[in-house]
Protein backbone atom coordinates (compact mmCIF):
# COMPACT_ATOMS: atom_id res chain seq x y z
CA MET A 1 22.32 20.38 -9.80
CA ILE A 2 18.99 20.27 -11.63
CA ASP A 3 18.84 16.48 -11.28
CA ASP A 4 19.37 16.86 -7.53
CA ARG A 5 16.33 19.16 -7.33
CA LEU A 6 14.29 16.78 -9.47
CA TRP A 7 15.16 13.88 -7.19
CA GLU A 8 14.27 16.08 -4.21
CA ILE A 9 10.78 16.44 -5.66
CA SER A 10 10.60 12.68 -6.09
CA TRP A 11 11.69 11.70 -2.58
CA LYS A 12 9.41 14.30 -1.02
CA GLY A 13 6.53 12.74 -2.91
CA GLN A 14 7.49 9.29 -1.70
CA PHE A 15 7.88 10.50 1.88
CA ALA A 16 4.49 12.22 1.78
CA VAL A 17 2.82 8.94 0.83
CA MET A 18 4.86 6.98 3.38
CA LEU A 19 3.92 9.36 6.20
CA ASP A 20 0.26 9.06 5.25
CA ILE A 21 0.40 5.27 5.04
CA VAL A 22 2.19 4.51 8.31
CA THR A 23 0.07 6.92 10.37
CA PRO A 24 -2.67 4.86 12.11
CA LYS A 25 -5.62 6.50 10.36
CA PRO A 26 -8.96 4.78 11.08
CA GLY A 27 -10.21 2.52 8.30
CA ASN A 28 -6.98 2.55 6.27
CA VAL A 29 -4.10 0.10 6.17
CA HIS A 30 -1.48 1.41 8.60
CA ARG A 31 1.36 0.19 10.77
CA TYR A 32 -1.03 -1.48 13.22
CA TYR A 33 -3.50 -2.93 10.70
CA ASP A 34 -3.38 -4.94 7.47
CA HIS A 35 -6.37 -5.65 5.29
CA PRO A 36 -6.66 -9.40 4.59
CA ASP A 37 -5.70 -8.97 0.93
CA THR A 38 -3.63 -5.76 1.07
CA ARG A 39 -0.95 -5.31 3.70
CA LEU A 40 1.33 -2.46 4.69
CA VAL A 41 4.21 -4.20 2.93
CA HIS A 42 2.29 -3.96 -0.37
CA PHE A 43 2.00 -0.20 0.06
CA THR A 44 5.68 0.19 0.97
CA ALA A 45 6.70 -1.82 -2.09
CA SER A 46 4.55 0.46 -4.25
CA ILE A 47 6.01 3.59 -2.64
CA ALA A 48 9.52 2.30 -3.35
CA ARG A 49 8.59 2.05 -7.03
CA LEU A 50 6.98 5.51 -7.13
CA GLY A 51 10.25 7.43 -7.06
CA GLN A 52 11.26 6.97 -10.70
CA PRO A 53 7.85 7.99 -12.15
CA LEU A 54 7.77 11.11 -9.94
CA PHE A 55 11.29 12.01 -11.06
CA LEU A 56 10.22 11.58 -14.69
CA ALA A 57 7.16 13.78 -14.09
CA ALA A 58 9.35 16.50 -12.56
CA GLN A 59 11.81 16.16 -15.43
CA ARG A 60 9.03 16.55 -18.00
CA GLY A 61 7.81 19.60 -16.13
CA ASN A 62 11.31 21.08 -16.21
CA GLU A 63 11.48 20.58 -19.99
CA LEU A 64 8.57 22.98 -20.32
CA GLN A 65 11.14 25.77 -20.07
CA ARG A 66 12.42 24.59 -23.44
CA THR A 67 9.29 23.32 -25.21
CA GLN A 68 6.77 25.90 -23.93
CA ASP A 69 4.15 23.22 -24.68
CA PRO A 70 2.31 21.92 -21.58
CA SER A 71 0.69 19.13 -23.61
CA SER A 72 4.13 17.65 -24.31
CA VAL A 73 4.46 16.69 -20.64
CA GLY A 74 2.11 13.76 -21.23
CA LEU A 75 0.29 13.62 -17.91
CA GLY A 76 -1.74 10.61 -18.98
CA GLU A 77 1.34 8.64 -19.98
CA LEU A 78 3.05 9.54 -16.70
CA ILE A 79 0.02 8.37 -14.73
CA LYS A 80 0.03 5.11 -16.67
CA LEU A 81 3.77 4.59 -16.08
CA ALA A 82 3.39 5.27 -12.35
CA THR A 83 0.45 2.87 -12.15
CA GLN A 84 2.39 0.12 -13.91
CA ALA A 85 5.43 0.67 -11.69
CA THR A 86 3.55 0.63 -8.38
CA ILE A 87 1.45 -2.42 -9.22
CA SER A 88 4.29 -4.52 -10.62
CA PRO A 89 5.74 -5.77 -7.30
CA HIS A 90 2.53 -7.52 -6.22
CA GLY A 91 -0.30 -6.96 -8.72
CA LYS A 92 -2.36 -4.88 -6.28
CA ASN A 93 -3.87 -1.44 -6.80
CA THR A 94 -2.53 0.44 -3.80
CA LEU A 95 -1.87 3.99 -4.98
CA LEU A 96 -4.01 4.90 -8.00
CA GLY A 97 -5.84 7.83 -6.40
CA THR A 98 -2.59 9.11 -4.93
CA ILE A 99 -0.84 8.84 -8.30
CA LEU A 100 -3.58 10.86 -9.99
CA LEU A 101 -2.76 13.74 -7.62
CA MET A 102 0.99 13.31 -7.17
CA VAL A 103 2.00 13.15 -10.82
CA PRO A 104 0.60 16.59 -11.77
CA LEU A 105 2.09 18.08 -8.59
CA ALA A 106 5.54 16.64 -9.36
CA ALA A 107 5.36 17.92 -12.94
CA SER A 108 4.34 21.36 -11.71
CA ALA A 109 7.18 21.45 -9.18
CA GLY A 110 9.62 20.53 -11.96
CA ILE A 111 8.83 23.71 -13.88
CA ASP A 112 10.71 25.91 -11.44
CA VAL A 113 13.54 23.77 -10.06
CA GLN A 114 16.01 26.55 -10.87
CA GLY A 115 14.15 28.86 -8.46
CA SER A 116 15.11 29.36 -4.85
CA ARG A 117 12.01 27.63 -3.45
CA PHE A 118 8.69 26.17 -4.43
CA THR A 119 5.58 28.11 -3.47
CA PRO A 120 1.93 27.03 -3.41
CA GLU A 121 1.15 29.80 -5.90
CA LYS A 122 3.73 28.55 -8.40
CA LEU A 123 2.68 24.93 -7.93
CA ARG A 124 -0.96 25.76 -8.52
CA LYS A 125 -0.16 27.87 -11.57
CA GLY A 126 1.62 24.86 -13.06
CA ILE A 127 -1.31 22.56 -12.25
CA THR A 128 -3.71 24.94 -14.00
CA ARG A 129 -1.47 25.08 -17.04
CA PHE A 130 -1.06 21.32 -17.37
CA LEU A 131 -4.73 20.49 -16.85
CA LYS A 132 -5.92 23.21 -19.22
CA ASP A 133 -3.66 21.87 -21.98
CA SER A 134 -4.22 18.16 -21.34
CA THR A 135 -5.07 16.16 -24.44
CA VAL A 136 -7.32 13.39 -25.68
CA GLU A 137 -4.32 11.06 -25.71
CA ASP A 138 -3.76 11.88 -22.04
CA ALA A 139 -7.31 10.66 -21.43
CA VAL A 140 -6.65 7.50 -23.45
CA SER A 141 -3.55 6.79 -21.35
CA LEU A 142 -5.63 7.29 -18.22
CA ILE A 143 -8.08 4.66 -19.46
CA HIS A 144 -5.14 2.27 -19.90
CA ALA A 145 -4.00 3.05 -16.34
CA LEU A 146 -7.50 2.33 -15.02
CA GLN A 147 -7.59 -0.94 -16.92
CA ILE A 148 -4.30 -1.91 -15.30
CA ALA A 149 -5.36 -0.89 -11.79
CA LYS A 150 -8.99 -2.07 -11.94
CA PRO A 151 -10.09 0.32 -9.16
CA GLY A 152 -12.81 -0.76 -6.79
CA GLY A 153 -15.92 1.27 -6.21
CA ALA A 154 -15.87 2.60 -9.76
CA ILE A 155 -19.64 2.34 -10.25
CA PRO A 156 -21.23 4.73 -7.76
CA LYS A 157 -24.46 4.04 -5.94
CA THR A 158 -25.68 7.53 -6.78
CA THR A 159 -28.07 9.13 -9.24
CA GLN A 160 -25.19 10.93 -10.95
CA TRP A 161 -24.21 7.74 -12.78
CA THR A 162 -25.82 8.43 -16.16
CA SER A 163 -25.83 6.73 -19.56
CA LYS A 164 -22.98 9.07 -20.56
CA HIS A 165 -20.87 7.75 -17.71
CA LYS A 166 -21.68 4.16 -18.63
CA SER A 167 -20.55 4.70 -22.22
CA LEU A 168 -17.24 6.13 -20.95
CA ASP A 169 -16.60 3.63 -18.15
CA TYR A 170 -13.04 2.33 -18.39
CA ARG A 171 -14.36 -1.25 -18.61
CA SER A 172 -16.36 -0.59 -21.77
CA PRO A 173 -14.61 -1.80 -24.95
CA GLN A 174 -15.91 1.32 -26.73
CA THR A 175 -14.61 3.88 -24.26
CA ILE A 176 -11.44 4.86 -26.12
CA HIS A 177 -13.40 5.17 -29.36
CA HIS A 178 -15.92 7.45 -27.64
CA LEU A 179 -13.17 9.53 -26.02
CA ARG A 180 -11.52 10.23 -29.34
CA ALA A 181 -14.77 10.75 -31.23
CA GLU A 182 -16.09 13.25 -28.68
CA GLY A 183 -12.75 14.92 -27.95
CA TYR A 184 -12.53 14.29 -24.21
CA THR A 185 -9.25 15.49 -22.72
CA LEU A 186 -7.83 14.22 -19.45
CA ARG A 187 -9.39 17.15 -17.63
CA SER A 188 -12.83 16.96 -19.25
CA TYR A 189 -12.95 13.18 -18.80
CA MET A 190 -12.12 13.48 -15.10
CA ALA A 191 -14.68 16.27 -14.74
CA LEU A 192 -17.41 13.77 -15.60
CA SER A 193 -16.68 11.99 -12.32
CA ALA A 194 -16.34 15.13 -10.20
CA PRO A 195 -19.86 14.91 -8.66
CA TYR A 196 -19.05 11.57 -7.00
CA ASP A 197 -15.23 11.38 -6.89
CA ALA A 198 -13.23 13.91 -4.86
CA VAL A 199 -9.99 13.15 -6.73
CA ALA A 200 -11.71 13.87 -10.05
CA GLN A 201 -13.12 17.04 -8.52
CA GLU A 202 -9.57 18.28 -8.01
CA TYR A 203 -8.97 18.00 -11.75
CA ALA A 204 -12.06 20.11 -12.41
CA THR A 205 -11.01 22.83 -9.94
CA ASP A 206 -7.20 23.09 -10.34
CA PHE A 207 -6.69 21.21 -7.07
CA ALA A 208 -8.69 23.83 -5.15
CA TYR A 209 -9.45 21.72 -2.08
CA ILE A 210 -5.82 20.62 -1.72
CA PHE A 211 -4.35 24.11 -2.02
CA ASP A 212 -7.04 26.20 -0.36
CA VAL A 213 -8.19 23.91 2.44
CA LEU A 214 -6.18 20.78 3.13
CA TYR A 215 -2.60 22.02 2.78
CA PRO A 216 -3.19 24.97 5.17
CA GLN A 217 -4.94 22.63 7.62
CA PHE A 218 -2.00 20.21 7.61
CA PHE A 219 0.56 22.98 7.92
CA HIS A 220 -1.24 24.46 10.93
CA ALA A 221 -1.50 20.97 12.44
CA LEU A 222 2.28 20.62 12.20
CA ASN A 223 2.61 23.70 14.39
CA ARG A 224 0.05 22.45 16.92
CA HIS A 225 1.04 18.83 17.45
CA THR A 226 4.11 17.06 18.79
CA THR A 227 4.88 14.77 15.83
CA ALA A 228 4.34 14.63 12.07
CA GLU A 229 2.27 11.47 12.56
CA ASN A 230 -0.06 13.23 14.98
CA ALA A 231 -0.38 16.19 12.63
CA THR A 232 -1.28 13.74 9.87
CA LEU A 233 -3.79 11.90 12.05
CA SER A 234 -5.39 15.12 13.25
CA THR A 235 -5.73 16.45 9.69
CA PHE A 236 -7.17 13.15 8.48
CA MET A 237 -9.85 13.08 11.16
CA TRP A 238 -10.69 16.75 10.55
CA GLU A 239 -10.93 16.11 6.80
CA LEU A 240 -13.05 12.96 7.21
CA GLY A 241 -15.41 14.89 9.48
CA GLN A 242 -15.86 17.72 6.98
CA ARG A 243 -17.41 15.82 4.08
CA PRO A 244 -18.29 12.22 3.19
CA ASP A 245 -15.49 10.14 1.70
CA THR A 246 -16.42 9.53 -1.94
CA PHE A 247 -14.76 6.10 -2.04
CA ILE A 248 -17.05 4.96 0.77
CA GLN A 249 -19.94 6.71 -0.96
CA ARG A 250 -19.41 4.72 -4.16
CA LYS A 251 -18.92 1.38 -2.42
CA ALA A 252 -21.36 1.51 0.49
CA GLY A 253 -23.75 4.33 -0.39
CA SER A 254 -24.39 7.89 0.75
CA GLU A 255 -25.97 6.99 4.10
CA ALA A 256 -22.97 4.91 5.16
CA ALA A 257 -20.57 7.65 4.07
CA GLU A 258 -22.50 10.26 6.03
CA GLU A 259 -22.52 8.04 9.13
CA VAL A 260 -18.72 7.74 8.91
CA ARG A 261 -18.40 11.51 8.43
CA SER A 262 -20.57 12.24 11.47
CA ARG A 263 -18.62 9.86 13.71
CA ALA A 264 -15.32 11.32 12.52
CA GLN A 265 -16.48 14.86 13.22
CA SER A 266 -17.49 13.95 16.76
CA LEU A 267 -14.21 12.15 17.40
CA TYR A 268 -12.15 15.03 16.04
CA THR A 269 -13.86 17.34 18.51
CA LYS A 270 -12.95 14.92 21.32
CA MET A 271 -9.35 14.74 20.04
CA THR A 272 -8.97 18.49 20.55
CA HIS A 273 -9.61 17.96 24.28
CA THR A 274 -7.63 14.72 24.62
CA PRO A 275 -3.85 14.43 25.22
CA GLU A 276 -2.12 13.18 22.09
CA PRO A 277 -0.74 9.99 23.71
CA GLN A 278 -4.37 8.90 24.28
CA TRP A 279 -5.55 9.44 20.69
CA LEU A 280 -5.06 5.85 19.52
CA LYS A 281 -7.12 4.53 22.43
CA LEU A 282 -9.84 7.09 21.67
CA LEU A 283 -9.92 6.17 17.97
CA ALA A 284 -9.53 2.38 18.32
CA PRO A 285 -13.30 1.57 18.40
CA PHE A 286 -13.85 3.71 15.28
CA ASP A 287 -10.92 2.03 13.52
CA ASN A 288 -12.29 -1.41 14.42
CA TYR A 289 -15.78 -0.44 13.22
CA LEU A 290 -14.53 0.69 9.83
CA HIS A 291 -12.36 -2.39 9.37
CA SER A 292 -15.20 -4.71 10.42
CA LYS A 293 -16.95 -3.93 7.13
CA GLY A 294 -14.05 -5.14 5.01
CA SER A 295 -13.11 -2.49 2.46
CA GLN A 296 -16.61 -1.01 2.27
CA LEU A 297 -15.86 1.72 4.80
CA ASN A 298 -12.24 2.42 3.86
CA PRO A 299 -11.85 6.22 3.58
CA GLY A 300 -9.32 5.85 0.80
CA THR A 301 -10.06 9.09 -1.04
CA THR A 302 -9.59 11.08 2.16
CA ALA A 303 -6.12 9.52 2.47
CA ASP A 304 -5.28 10.22 -1.19
CA LEU A 305 -6.07 13.90 -0.82
CA LEU A 306 -4.10 14.11 2.40
CA SER A 307 -1.01 12.57 0.77
CA ALA A 308 -1.16 15.29 -1.88
CA ALA A 309 -1.53 18.04 0.74
CA ILE A 310 1.49 16.68 2.64
CA PHE A 311 3.44 16.71 -0.64
CA VAL A 312 2.56 20.37 -1.17
CA ALA A 313 3.70 21.17 2.38
CA LEU A 314 6.99 19.32 1.89
CA LEU A 315 7.62 21.22 -1.35
CA ALA A 316 6.53 24.65 -0.20
CA GLU A 317 7.67 24.87 3.41
CA ASN A 318 11.00 24.62 5.17
CA LEU A 319 10.00 21.62 7.25
CA THR A 320 13.37 20.94 8.83
CA THR A 321 11.72 19.93 12.10
CA LEU A 322 9.17 17.59 10.52
CA LEU A 323 10.72 14.49 12.06
């Protein structure tokens, strides 16, 4: 019975990522567009491999009932395992940002699998507990995951990139030594990147944006729109129009990210007055513009956050009519 609930957490996580990926979101890989070096099939192969690590995360979370030691969950190790698993089919980093958000959520959901239902309040309480008690070895495992994934856009074109950040960059051979010497935990290490990385910002704020803003926005969109894909697309465009995507910011600079945000905001406003069957036609020029710059204008962090918000909705709500 417990294993069934743990696997439920896992497949809901996989489905959340799949729904995000196949939805034709401008600038991302989706069912109508492949990047030259990363195609939809690479993402689907990664998602297929994500199930076991999410199950393990939920299982570790469930063991907290026995151990009463949040640090024993090993978030960093789980992130590393998920990164290895999702890269192994093709050698491409497709889901790192998503993994960083999904693994803690799956572990948090696992705490209360014996309960009648998951709630956002319980999920967030678990997130707070795990992040607060994360360890230096969790941070070391994260460095190993980054070295495996080799994420793009890691060096930001912003003034926030200081000598401290350079000494703790995952590519530096001294990073792990510095982490241990200075006692950086997973949470405090991620907090260093919070000013220019929205995923890291979630670690510094107990996933505040996901729980307080994006999950409610997606849930309301489900009630307003005719399909789950349209709810996902609507939420993505709303989110992209609210604040600059930090992945674009790091790769192409703040001005480019702000230009993308402004265009997205304008298009979202038009979407609210446009019949849903006409959305793809409305968004096609914007999609083409973003893809014309290669991966420089790929709003990847916006998609990562949305996947996590969809996961929260799938866990917390009775979404029997989602499909």
